């Protein structure tokens, strides 16, 4: 694992799961109710953050978990693009 990934994993391990959940939920709700391109860009930003998390945690995930995360990330990106269009 690269040094930057280790630093990221260490920082993520210190963050409260409740805080992460509430921040993500707030971002998703704001993005869903924001008009058009603003909401779509917020969802794409969230998808980017989730993509970084997915890549970082990929080696320790089971194949089933990887599949579910990829499907959810794809759905989030698709919804964001539909909202922008």
Protein backbone atom coordinates (compact mmCIF):
# COMPACT_ATOMS: atom_id res chain seq x y z
CA UNK A 1 0.00 0.00 0.00
CA UNK A 2 1.32 3.44 -0.87
CA UNK A 3 2.11 5.98 1.82
CA UNK A 4 -0.75 8.31 0.82
CA UNK A 5 -3.23 5.45 0.98
CA UNK A 6 -1.98 4.49 4.44
CA UNK A 7 -2.41 8.08 5.61
CA UNK A 8 -5.94 8.18 4.16
CA UNK A 9 -6.89 4.86 5.78
CA UNK A 10 -5.50 6.01 9.12
CA UNK A 11 -7.50 9.24 8.96
CA UNK A 12 -10.67 7.42 7.94
CA UNK A 13 -10.28 4.99 10.83
CA UNK A 14 -10.38 7.91 13.28
CA UNK A 15 -13.62 9.38 11.94
CA UNK A 16 -16.84 8.46 13.69
CA UNK A 17 -19.09 6.27 11.49
CA UNK A 18 -22.13 8.18 12.75
CA UNK A 19 -20.63 11.48 11.64
CA UNK A 20 -19.79 10.10 8.20
CA UNK A 21 -23.31 8.70 7.81
CA UNK A 22 -24.98 11.96 8.83
CA UNK A 23 -22.78 14.07 6.55
CA UNK A 24 -23.39 11.73 3.60
CA UNK A 25 -27.14 11.64 4.30
CA UNK A 26 -27.28 15.43 4.46
CA UNK A 27 -25.36 15.75 1.21
CA UNK A 28 -27.63 13.25 -0.56
CA UNK A 29 -30.82 14.95 0.67
CA UNK A 30 -29.57 18.39 -0.34
CA UNK A 31 -28.55 17.00 -3.75
CA UNK A 32 -31.93 15.31 -4.29
CA UNK A 33 -33.88 18.47 -3.50
CA UNK A 34 -31.52 20.94 -5.18
CA UNK A 35 -32.56 21.96 -8.67
CA UNK A 36 -31.05 20.38 -11.78
CA UNK A 37 -27.35 20.87 -12.31
CA UNK A 38 -26.58 21.87 -8.71
CA UNK A 39 -28.02 18.63 -7.35
CA UNK A 40 -26.37 16.60 -10.08
CA UNK A 41 -22.95 18.10 -9.38
CA UNK A 42 -23.35 17.42 -5.65
CA UNK A 43 -24.20 13.81 -6.41
CA UNK A 44 -21.19 13.52 -8.72
CA UNK A 45 -18.99 14.95 -5.95
CA UNK A 46 -20.36 12.34 -3.56
CA UNK A 47 -19.76 9.63 -6.18
CA UNK A 48 -16.16 10.79 -6.52
CA UNK A 49 -15.62 10.56 -2.77
CA UNK A 50 -17.21 7.12 -2.69
CA UNK A 51 -15.03 6.06 -5.61
CA UNK A 52 -11.90 7.05 -3.67
CA UNK A 53 -13.16 5.10 -0.67
CA UNK A 54 -13.95 2.10 -2.88
CA UNK A 55 -10.46 2.08 -4.41
CA UNK A 56 -8.84 2.47 -1.00
CA UNK A 57 -10.79 -0.36 0.62
CA UNK A 58 -10.83 -2.68 -2.43
CA UNK A 59 -8.13 -5.13 -1.22
CA UNK A 60 -9.96 -5.96 2.01
CA UNK A 61 -13.48 -6.37 0.57
CA UNK A 62 -15.12 -9.65 -0.37
CA UNK A 63 -16.23 -10.11 -4.00
CA UNK A 64 -19.88 -9.77 -2.98
CA UNK A 65 -19.25 -6.47 -1.21
CA UNK A 66 -17.25 -5.20 -4.18
CA UNK A 67 -20.13 -6.00 -6.52
CA UNK A 68 -22.71 -4.25 -4.35
CA UNK A 69 -20.52 -1.16 -3.98
CA UNK A 70 -19.86 -0.98 -7.73
CA UNK A 71 -23.58 -1.30 -8.51
CA UNK A 72 -24.50 1.43 -6.00
CA UNK A 73 -21.77 3.73 -7.30
CA UNK A 74 -22.97 3.17 -10.87
CA UNK A 75 -26.56 3.93 -9.87
CA UNK A 76 -25.50 7.10 -8.07
CA UNK A 77 -23.58 8.32 -11.12
CA UNK A 78 -26.48 7.45 -13.43
CA UNK A 79 -28.95 9.33 -11.21
CA UNK A 80 -26.61 12.34 -11.05
CA UNK A 81 -26.31 12.43 -14.84
CA UNK A 82 -30.10 12.13 -15.24
CA UNK A 83 -30.56 15.02 -12.83
CA UNK A 84 -28.12 17.18 -14.81
CA UNK A 85 -29.74 16.39 -18.17
